[in-house]
N, C-alpha and C. Protein backbone atom coordinates (compact mmCIF):
# COMPACT_ATOMS: atom_id res chain seq x y z
N UNK A 1 103.45 92.30 -21.29
CA UNK A 1 102.63 92.09 -22.60
C UNK A 1 101.53 93.31 -22.40
N UNK A 2 101.08 93.92 -23.32
CA UNK A 2 100.21 94.64 -23.47
C UNK A 2 99.36 94.07 -24.50
N UNK A 3 97.92 93.98 -24.32
CA UNK A 3 97.14 93.15 -25.16
C UNK A 3 96.19 94.36 -25.48
N UNK A 4 96.05 94.52 -26.93
CA UNK A 4 95.01 95.45 -27.61
C UNK A 4 93.47 94.89 -27.10
N UNK A 5 92.39 95.88 -27.09
CA UNK A 5 91.15 95.39 -27.04
C UNK A 5 90.79 94.79 -28.38
N UNK A 6 90.07 93.92 -28.35
CA UNK A 6 89.41 93.46 -29.64
C UNK A 6 88.90 94.41 -30.92
N UNK A 7 88.87 94.42 -31.92
CA UNK A 7 88.13 94.88 -32.83
C UNK A 7 86.55 94.68 -32.56
N UNK A 8 86.06 95.82 -33.17
CA UNK A 8 83.94 95.68 -32.98
C UNK A 8 84.15 94.82 -33.86
N UNK A 9 83.22 94.32 -34.14
CA UNK A 9 82.49 92.98 -35.00
C UNK A 9 83.32 92.03 -35.55
N UNK A 10 84.35 91.58 -34.28
CA UNK A 10 84.98 90.31 -34.69
C UNK A 10 84.67 89.08 -33.80
N UNK A 11 85.23 88.22 -33.44
CA UNK A 11 85.18 87.17 -32.61
C UNK A 11 86.42 86.48 -32.29
N UNK A 12 86.62 85.67 -31.34
CA UNK A 12 88.20 85.24 -30.94
C UNK A 12 87.67 83.66 -30.54
N UNK A 13 89.00 83.13 -29.85
CA UNK A 13 89.04 81.87 -29.91
C UNK A 13 87.74 81.14 -28.91
N UNK A 14 87.54 79.97 -29.09
CA UNK A 14 86.50 79.17 -28.31
C UNK A 14 87.17 78.67 -26.99
N UNK A 15 86.27 79.00 -26.00
CA UNK A 15 86.94 78.25 -24.57
C UNK A 15 85.88 77.67 -23.97
N UNK A 16 86.42 76.95 -22.96
CA UNK A 16 85.21 75.89 -22.10
C UNK A 16 84.40 76.88 -21.43
N UNK A 17 82.92 76.21 -21.22
CA UNK A 17 81.89 76.69 -20.07
C UNK A 17 82.87 77.08 -18.97
N UNK A 18 83.34 76.08 -18.68
CA UNK A 18 83.55 75.87 -16.77
C UNK A 18 84.57 77.15 -16.44
N UNK A 19 85.01 77.80 -17.55
CA UNK A 19 86.16 78.93 -17.24
C UNK A 19 85.42 80.16 -16.89
N UNK A 20 83.93 79.99 -17.22
CA UNK A 20 82.94 81.29 -16.87
C UNK A 20 82.36 80.90 -15.38
N UNK A 21 82.33 79.91 -14.81
CA UNK A 21 82.12 79.58 -13.60
C UNK A 21 82.91 80.29 -12.63
N UNK A 22 82.10 80.75 -11.20
CA UNK A 22 82.93 81.43 -10.29
C UNK A 22 84.00 80.29 -9.78
N UNK A 23 84.82 80.97 -9.19
CA UNK A 23 85.79 80.27 -8.48
C UNK A 23 85.30 79.82 -7.35
N UNK A 24 85.83 79.08 -6.55
CA UNK A 24 85.04 78.35 -4.97
C UNK A 24 85.94 79.66 -4.10
N UNK A 25 84.80 80.44 -3.21
CA UNK A 25 85.32 81.21 -2.35
C UNK A 25 85.65 80.59 -1.21
N UNK A 26 86.81 81.05 -0.74
CA UNK A 26 87.42 80.40 0.52
C UNK A 26 86.53 80.85 1.93
N UNK A 27 86.55 80.28 2.75
CA UNK A 27 85.45 80.43 3.69
C UNK A 27 86.17 81.89 4.63
N UNK A 28 85.56 82.55 5.39
CA UNK A 28 85.98 83.66 5.94
C UNK A 28 86.25 83.29 7.37
N UNK A 29 87.12 83.70 7.65
CA UNK A 29 87.45 83.32 9.66
C UNK A 29 86.23 83.89 10.05
N UNK A 30 85.70 83.11 11.11
CA UNK A 30 84.56 83.22 11.79
C UNK A 30 84.98 84.97 12.89
N UNK A 31 84.15 85.42 13.08
CA UNK A 31 84.78 86.41 13.81
C UNK A 31 84.49 85.80 15.49
N UNK A 32 85.35 86.61 16.26
CA UNK A 32 85.76 85.99 17.86
C UNK A 32 84.09 85.66 18.41
N UNK A 33 83.19 86.65 18.22
CA UNK A 33 81.90 86.62 18.92
C UNK A 33 81.68 85.27 18.68
N UNK A 34 81.37 84.96 17.27
CA UNK A 34 80.85 83.96 16.63
C UNK A 34 81.59 82.67 17.30
N UNK A 35 82.69 82.41 17.23
CA UNK A 35 83.23 81.46 18.06
C UNK A 35 82.76 81.09 19.40
N UNK A 36 83.19 82.37 19.99
CA UNK A 36 82.65 82.12 21.52
C UNK A 36 81.16 81.70 21.43
N UNK A 37 80.19 82.08 20.92
CA UNK A 37 78.88 81.87 20.48
C UNK A 37 78.71 80.55 20.21
N UNK A 38 79.22 79.61 19.32
CA UNK A 38 79.24 78.43 18.97
C UNK A 38 79.56 77.38 20.51
N UNK A 39 80.62 77.93 20.84
CA UNK A 39 80.99 77.06 22.35
C UNK A 39 80.11 77.26 23.07
N UNK A 40 79.41 78.31 23.49
CA UNK A 40 78.52 78.54 24.36
C UNK A 40 77.04 77.55 24.12
N UNK A 41 76.60 77.84 22.70
CA UNK A 41 75.51 76.99 22.27
C UNK A 41 75.78 75.40 22.60
N UNK A 42 77.12 75.00 22.09
CA UNK A 42 77.49 73.71 22.28
C UNK A 42 77.13 73.48 23.71
N UNK A 43 77.45 74.09 24.42
CA UNK A 43 77.69 73.82 26.03
C UNK A 43 76.41 73.84 26.56
N UNK A 44 75.45 74.46 26.18
CA UNK A 44 73.81 74.77 26.30
C UNK A 44 73.48 73.42 25.80
N UNK A 45 73.27 73.12 24.60
CA UNK A 45 72.79 71.77 24.20
C UNK A 45 73.22 70.55 24.96
N UNK A 46 74.65 70.52 25.33
CA UNK A 46 75.08 69.30 26.12
C UNK A 46 74.74 69.28 27.41
N UNK A 47 74.03 70.58 27.91
CA UNK A 47 73.98 70.68 29.32
C UNK A 47 72.12 69.88 29.91
N UNK A 48 71.84 70.22 30.96
CA UNK A 48 70.36 69.73 31.39
C UNK A 48 69.31 70.94 30.75
N UNK A 49 67.99 70.29 30.64
CA UNK A 49 67.29 71.63 30.27
C UNK A 49 67.00 72.41 31.60
N UNK A 50 67.64 72.10 32.84
CA UNK A 50 67.06 73.16 33.62
C UNK A 50 68.16 74.36 33.98
N UNK A 51 69.31 74.15 33.37
CA UNK A 51 70.45 74.77 33.02
C UNK A 51 70.40 75.78 32.10
N UNK A 52 70.96 77.12 32.45
CA UNK A 52 71.08 78.29 31.62
C UNK A 52 72.25 78.95 31.39
N UNK A 53 73.02 78.88 30.13
CA UNK A 53 74.15 79.10 29.96
C UNK A 53 74.14 80.99 29.61
N UNK A 54 74.80 81.86 30.43
CA UNK A 54 74.62 83.13 29.73
C UNK A 54 75.73 83.49 29.08
N UNK A 55 75.76 84.29 27.97
CA UNK A 55 76.46 84.90 26.85
C UNK A 55 76.36 86.35 27.21
N UNK A 56 77.68 86.97 27.29
CA UNK A 56 77.88 88.03 27.87
C UNK A 56 77.97 89.18 26.59
N UNK A 57 77.71 90.27 26.37
CA UNK A 57 78.02 90.84 25.28
C UNK A 57 79.19 91.88 25.28
N UNK A 58 79.80 91.90 24.34
CA UNK A 58 81.01 93.19 24.07
C UNK A 58 80.37 94.49 24.30
N UNK A 59 81.21 95.40 24.56
CA UNK A 59 80.66 96.94 24.57
C UNK A 59 79.99 97.54 23.47
N UNK A 60 80.88 96.86 22.24
CA UNK A 60 79.95 97.40 20.86
C UNK A 60 78.93 96.73 20.11
N UNK A 61 78.58 95.41 20.92
CA UNK A 61 77.70 94.67 20.53
C UNK A 61 76.42 95.23 20.96
N UNK A 62 75.14 94.86 19.50
CA UNK A 62 73.95 95.50 19.99
C UNK A 62 73.04 93.83 20.37
N UNK A 63 72.20 93.79 21.39
CA UNK A 63 71.48 92.51 21.79
C UNK A 63 71.17 91.87 20.54
N UNK A 64 70.14 92.53 19.72
CA UNK A 64 69.65 91.90 18.76
C UNK A 64 70.29 91.44 17.67
N UNK A 65 71.48 91.97 17.37
CA UNK A 65 72.20 91.33 16.39
C UNK A 65 72.99 90.20 17.04
N UNK A 66 73.47 89.90 18.23
CA UNK A 66 73.93 88.86 18.75
C UNK A 66 72.96 87.88 18.88
N UNK A 67 71.36 88.11 18.76
CA UNK A 67 70.52 86.91 19.38
C UNK A 67 70.49 86.64 17.95
N UNK A 68 70.38 87.25 17.04
CA UNK A 68 70.05 86.61 15.42
C UNK A 68 71.37 85.82 15.43
N UNK A 69 72.67 86.17 15.44
CA UNK A 69 73.83 85.37 15.32
C UNK A 69 73.67 83.90 16.13
N UNK A 70 72.97 84.01 17.47
CA UNK A 70 72.92 82.87 17.75
C UNK A 70 71.95 81.76 17.35
N UNK A 71 70.87 82.52 16.97
CA UNK A 71 69.87 81.31 16.24
C UNK A 71 70.41 81.35 14.88
N UNK A 72 71.34 82.04 14.16
CA UNK A 72 71.90 81.10 12.85
C UNK A 72 72.52 80.32 13.31
N UNK A 73 73.53 80.42 14.39
CA UNK A 73 74.72 79.36 14.31
C UNK A 73 74.04 78.24 14.90
N UNK A 74 73.03 78.38 15.90
CA UNK A 74 72.17 77.21 16.48
C UNK A 74 71.58 76.37 15.26
N UNK A 75 70.85 76.90 14.43
CA UNK A 75 70.23 76.61 13.19
C UNK A 75 71.23 75.54 12.39
N UNK A 76 72.44 76.39 11.98
CA UNK A 76 73.56 75.66 11.41
C UNK A 76 74.00 74.66 12.15
N UNK A 77 74.16 74.37 13.18
CA UNK A 77 74.48 73.19 14.10
C UNK A 77 73.57 72.27 14.18
N UNK A 78 72.39 72.62 14.20
CA UNK A 78 71.02 71.60 14.23
C UNK A 78 70.86 71.36 15.65
N UNK A 79 71.39 72.39 16.88
CA UNK A 79 71.12 72.13 18.05
C UNK A 79 69.86 72.55 18.57
N UNK A 80 69.33 71.76 19.64
CA UNK A 80 67.97 72.48 20.27
C UNK A 80 68.17 73.15 21.39
N UNK A 81 68.30 74.65 21.14
CA UNK A 81 68.96 75.54 22.07
C UNK A 81 67.84 76.73 21.68
N UNK A 82 67.38 76.91 22.98
CA UNK A 82 66.47 78.12 22.87
C UNK A 82 67.48 79.28 23.34
N UNK A 83 66.91 80.96 22.71
CA UNK A 83 67.63 81.56 22.76
C UNK A 83 66.87 82.84 23.44
N UNK A 84 67.06 83.67 24.53
CA UNK A 84 66.23 84.54 24.90
C UNK A 84 67.24 85.40 25.76
N UNK A 85 66.15 86.58 26.14
CA UNK A 85 67.02 87.27 27.24
C UNK A 85 66.36 87.96 28.53
N UNK A 86 66.38 88.16 29.23
CA UNK A 86 65.87 88.73 30.50
C UNK A 86 65.94 89.87 31.44
N UNK A 87 65.29 90.79 31.70
CA UNK A 87 65.45 91.76 32.26
C UNK A 87 66.53 91.74 33.33
N UNK A 88 66.56 90.77 34.26
CA UNK A 88 67.74 90.61 35.59
C UNK A 88 68.92 90.51 34.86
N UNK A 89 69.30 90.21 33.62
CA UNK A 89 70.60 90.22 33.04
C UNK A 89 70.63 90.88 31.93
N UNK A 90 71.02 92.15 32.23
CA UNK A 90 71.01 93.29 31.31
C UNK A 90 72.38 92.61 30.32
N UNK A 91 72.08 92.96 29.03
CA UNK A 91 73.62 92.83 28.14
C UNK A 91 73.83 91.41 28.14
N UNK A 92 72.85 90.63 28.27
CA UNK A 92 73.37 89.18 28.25
C UNK A 92 72.22 88.04 27.70
N UNK A 93 72.67 87.19 27.00
CA UNK A 93 72.07 86.55 26.00
C UNK A 93 72.12 85.12 27.07
N UNK A 94 70.62 84.68 26.69
CA UNK A 94 70.54 83.42 27.67
C UNK A 94 70.48 82.07 26.68
N UNK A 95 70.94 80.92 27.02
CA UNK A 95 70.96 79.98 26.26
C UNK A 95 70.48 78.88 26.96
N UNK A 96 69.82 77.98 26.50
CA UNK A 96 69.34 76.81 27.22
C UNK A 96 68.56 76.03 26.21
N UNK A 97 68.39 74.29 27.06
CA UNK A 97 67.90 73.32 26.30
C UNK A 97 66.51 73.67 26.32
N UNK A 98 65.82 74.23 27.87
CA UNK A 98 64.45 74.25 28.36
C UNK A 98 64.05 75.53 28.03
N UNK A 99 62.84 75.44 28.19
CA UNK A 99 62.21 76.77 27.83
C UNK A 99 62.45 78.14 28.66
N UNK A 100 62.68 79.02 28.35
CA UNK A 100 63.19 80.18 28.98
C UNK A 100 61.94 80.84 29.14
N UNK A 101 61.97 81.45 30.55
CA UNK A 101 60.58 82.05 30.92
C UNK A 101 59.78 83.77 30.23
N UNK A 102 58.74 83.52 29.98
CA UNK A 102 58.38 84.62 29.03
C UNK A 102 58.40 85.88 30.26
N UNK A 103 58.25 85.87 31.24
CA UNK A 103 58.29 86.64 32.33
C UNK A 103 59.65 87.82 32.34
N UNK A 104 59.68 88.97 32.13
CA UNK A 104 60.74 89.74 32.23
C UNK A 104 61.46 89.79 30.63
N UNK A 105 60.84 89.53 29.91
CA UNK A 105 61.27 89.30 28.34
C UNK A 105 60.95 90.57 27.61
N UNK A 106 62.10 91.30 26.95
CA UNK A 106 61.89 92.46 26.32
C UNK A 106 62.23 92.20 24.88
N UNK A 107 61.86 93.14 24.06
CA UNK A 107 61.67 93.05 22.70
C UNK A 107 63.61 93.24 22.16
N UNK A 108 63.81 92.63 21.19
CA UNK A 108 64.90 92.97 21.12
C UNK A 108 65.21 92.61 19.62
C-alpha cells in the first residue's frame, strides 16, 4: 500500500504524545573484555587489601582504554577497587582493594 505525501498547508488526525517518545532501547551485549573485567573487579573487591588481581590485555587493546573501562565498571558496580598499572607488569591492569604503589607508575 503506497501512501501519498500530505498536501502542503493541511493537517492530519490527532494522535497521542506517547507515540512520539522513543522506544526502549534494548541493552547491548557487553564485550568479552568487559565481562572478564567485571569478573576480575568482583574478585579484587572480594579479596583482601594486600592482594592484587592482574588483568592481562589482549593484543589489540590499549592500556588507557582498558583502565577507563575498568573504572567505569567499578563505579557502576559501586565496588571499592583501585585500578592501576606498574612497569614490572607491562600490558597489565592491576586491580586491588588496597592502595597501589605509586612507584613504577606510568601515565596511561
